[in-house]
Amino acid sequence: MAKNERSAYQKDVISRYYDNLDTIMLGKLGELVTDLYLADTHAKQERLWQRAQKAMEKLKIPPAIIDHIMQKRNVEILAKNLNDWLTNKKKK
């Protein structure tokens, strides 16, 4: 088997991962909301906000919404939006 070839099983696993990437990222964003509530230092909060921004970009959230959330840096705004995104995901 050549170095770059994957088995059918591996291809299937990779395909399912990318098919469910939005669900995975929403879960990670939910964990980040919790971590942001509990963050005790400014440096830790900044790192978490940067991770949240990357997660929102992977979710293809409109840039205007990401910019608004990042400017406010209010975890309650992020949590409210996350709740809306999860609700919309369940409806689809």
C-alpha atoms as a PDB file:
ATOM      1  CA  MET A   1       0.000   0.000   0.000  1.00  0.00           C
ATOM      2  CA  ALA A   2       1.407   3.384  -0.990  1.00  0.00           C
ATOM      3  CA  LYS A   3       2.211   5.923   1.679  1.00  0.00           C
ATOM      4  CA  ASN A   4      -0.699   8.304   0.908  1.00  0.00           C
ATOM      5  CA  GLU A   5      -3.399   5.691   0.397  1.00  0.00           C
ATOM      6  CA  ARG A   6      -6.026   5.125   3.042  1.00  0.00           C
ATOM      7  CA  SER A   7      -8.230   2.125   3.619  1.00  0.00           C
ATOM      8  CA  ALA A   8     -11.952   2.348   2.952  1.00  0.00           C
ATOM      9  CA  TYR A   9     -12.544   2.375   6.705  1.00  0.00           C
ATOM     10  CA  GLN A  10     -10.139   5.291   7.220  1.00  0.00           C
ATOM     11  CA  LYS A  11     -11.770   7.229   4.378  1.00  0.00           C
ATOM     12  CA  ASP A  12     -15.176   6.626   5.955  1.00  0.00           C
ATOM     13  CA  VAL A  13     -14.009   7.831   9.371  1.00  0.00           C
ATOM     14  CA  ILE A  14     -12.501  10.986   7.863  1.00  0.00           C
ATOM     15  CA  SER A  15     -15.654  11.620   5.848  1.00  0.00           C
ATOM     16  CA  ARG A  16     -17.895  11.280   8.921  1.00  0.00           C
ATOM     17  CA  TYR A  17     -15.637  13.660  10.861  1.00  0.00           C
ATOM     18  CA  TYR A  18     -16.011  16.383   8.240  1.00  0.00           C
ATOM     19  CA  ASP A  19     -19.734  15.701   7.864  1.00  0.00           C
ATOM     20  CA  ASN A  20     -20.145  16.350  11.601  1.00  0.00           C
ATOM     21  CA  LEU A  21     -17.592  19.135  11.960  1.00  0.00           C
ATOM     22  CA  ASP A  22     -20.243  21.761  12.701  1.00  0.00           C
ATOM     23  CA  THR A  23     -21.654  19.661  15.554  1.00  0.00           C
ATOM     24  CA  ILE A  24     -18.159  19.068  16.907  1.00  0.00           C
ATOM     25  CA  MET A  25     -17.316  22.789  16.757  1.00  0.00           C
ATOM     26  CA  LEU A  26     -20.593  23.752  18.465  1.00  0.00           C
ATOM     27  CA  GLY A  27     -19.709  21.372  21.293  1.00  0.00           C
ATOM     28  CA  LYS A  28     -16.215  22.851  21.593  1.00  0.00           C
ATOM     29  CA  LEU A  29     -17.672  26.350  21.578  1.00  0.00           C
ATOM     30  CA  GLY A  30     -19.994  25.312  24.414  1.00  0.00           C
ATOM     31  CA  GLU A  31     -16.990  24.127  26.406  1.00  0.00           C
ATOM     32  CA  LEU A  32     -15.266  27.451  25.728  1.00  0.00           C
ATOM     33  CA  VAL A  33     -18.288  29.342  27.080  1.00  0.00           C
ATOM     34  CA  THR A  34     -17.992  27.382  30.320  1.00  0.00           C
ATOM     35  CA  ASP A  35     -14.233  27.969  30.466  1.00  0.00           C
ATOM     36  CA  LEU A  36     -14.731  31.691  29.868  1.00  0.00           C
ATOM     37  CA  TYR A  37     -17.184  31.909  32.781  1.00  0.00           C
ATOM     38  CA  LEU A  38     -14.618  30.222  35.006  1.00  0.00           C
ATOM     39  CA  ALA A  39     -11.459  31.947  33.729  1.00  0.00           C
ATOM     40  CA  ASP A  40      -9.705  33.715  36.570  1.00  0.00           C
ATOM     41  CA  THR A  41      -7.019  35.700  34.753  1.00  0.00           C
ATOM     42  CA  HIS A  42      -7.126  38.173  31.906  1.00  0.00           C
ATOM     43  CA  ALA A  43      -4.475  36.206  29.976  1.00  0.00           C
ATOM     44  CA  LYS A  44      -6.528  33.016  30.200  1.00  0.00           C
ATOM     45  CA  GLN A  45      -9.636  34.866  29.024  1.00  0.00           C
ATOM     46  CA  GLU A  46      -7.754  36.282  26.025  1.00  0.00           C
ATOM     47  CA  ARG A  47      -6.556  32.825  24.968  1.00  0.00           C
ATOM     48  CA  LEU A  48     -10.069  31.444  25.303  1.00  0.00           C
ATOM     49  CA  TRP A  49     -11.563  34.317  23.292  1.00  0.00           C
ATOM     50  CA  GLN A  50      -9.065  33.651  20.496  1.00  0.00           C
ATOM     51  CA  ARG A  51     -10.051  29.975  20.463  1.00  0.00           C
ATOM     52  CA  ALA A  52     -13.727  30.972  20.405  1.00  0.00           C
ATOM     53  CA  GLN A  53     -13.088  33.231  17.425  1.00  0.00           C
ATOM     54  CA  LYS A  54     -11.383  30.404  15.514  1.00  0.00           C
ATOM     55  CA  ALA A  55     -14.275  28.062  16.344  1.00  0.00           C
ATOM     56  CA  MET A  56     -16.819  30.588  15.058  1.00  0.00           C
ATOM     57  CA  GLU A  57     -14.803  31.018  11.869  1.00  0.00           C
ATOM     58  CA  LYS A  58     -14.771  27.235  11.325  1.00  0.00           C
ATOM     59  CA  LEU A  59     -18.541  27.249  11.828  1.00  0.00           C
ATOM     60  CA  LYS A  60     -18.758  29.879   9.058  1.00  0.00           C
ATOM     61  CA  ILE A  61     -20.563  32.360  11.294  1.00  0.00           C
ATOM     62  CA  PRO A  62     -20.978  35.668   9.424  1.00  0.00           C
ATOM     63  CA  PRO A  63     -17.975  37.958  10.048  1.00  0.00           C
ATOM     64  CA  ALA A  64     -20.219  40.782  11.292  1.00  0.00           C
ATOM     65  CA  ILE A  65     -21.524  38.573  14.106  1.00  0.00           C
ATOM     66  CA  ILE A  66     -18.041  37.343  14.986  1.00  0.00           C
ATOM     67  CA  ASP A  67     -16.768  40.945  15.054  1.00  0.00           C
ATOM     68  CA  HIS A  68     -19.644  42.033  17.305  1.00  0.00           C
ATOM     69  CA  ILE A  69     -19.045  39.189  19.754  1.00  0.00           C
ATOM     70  CA  MET A  70     -15.291  39.765  19.773  1.00  0.00           C
ATOM     71  CA  GLN A  71     -15.659  43.519  20.312  1.00  0.00           C
ATOM     72  CA  LYS A  72     -18.015  43.048  23.257  1.00  0.00           C
ATOM     73  CA  ARG A  73     -16.164  40.042  24.697  1.00  0.00           C
ATOM     74  CA  ASN A  74     -19.215  39.330  26.787  1.00  0.00           C
ATOM     75  CA  VAL A  75     -19.577  35.623  27.496  1.00  0.00           C
ATOM     76  CA  GLU A  76     -23.342  36.026  27.913  1.00  0.00           C
ATOM     77  CA  ILE A  77     -23.653  37.325  24.338  1.00  0.00           C
ATOM     78  CA  LEU A  78     -21.596  34.379  23.096  1.00  0.00           C
ATOM     79  CA  ALA A  79     -23.726  31.951  25.116  1.00  0.00           C
ATOM     80  CA  LYS A  80     -26.968  33.446  23.739  1.00  0.00           C
ATOM     81  CA  ASN A  81     -25.710  33.162  20.166  1.00  0.00           C
ATOM     82  CA  LEU A  82     -24.483  29.623  20.791  1.00  0.00           C
ATOM     83  CA  ASN A  83     -27.918  28.679  22.078  1.00  0.00           C
ATOM     84  CA  ASP A  84     -29.474  30.106  18.891  1.00  0.00           C
ATOM     85  CA  TRP A  85     -26.989  28.202  16.690  1.00  0.00           C
ATOM     86  CA  LEU A  86     -27.684  24.958  18.549  1.00  0.00           C
ATOM     87  CA  THR A  87     -31.433  25.483  18.186  1.00  0.00           C
ATOM     88  CA  ASN A  88     -31.067  26.136  14.456  1.00  0.00           C
ATOM     89  CA  LYS A  89     -28.848  23.054  14.097  1.00  0.00           C
ATOM     90  CA  LYS A  90     -31.491  20.843  15.733  1.00  0.00           C
ATOM     91  CA  LYS A  91     -34.194  22.150  13.378  1.00  0.00           C
ATOM     92  CA  LYS A  92     -32.231  21.086  10.281  1.00  0.00           C
END
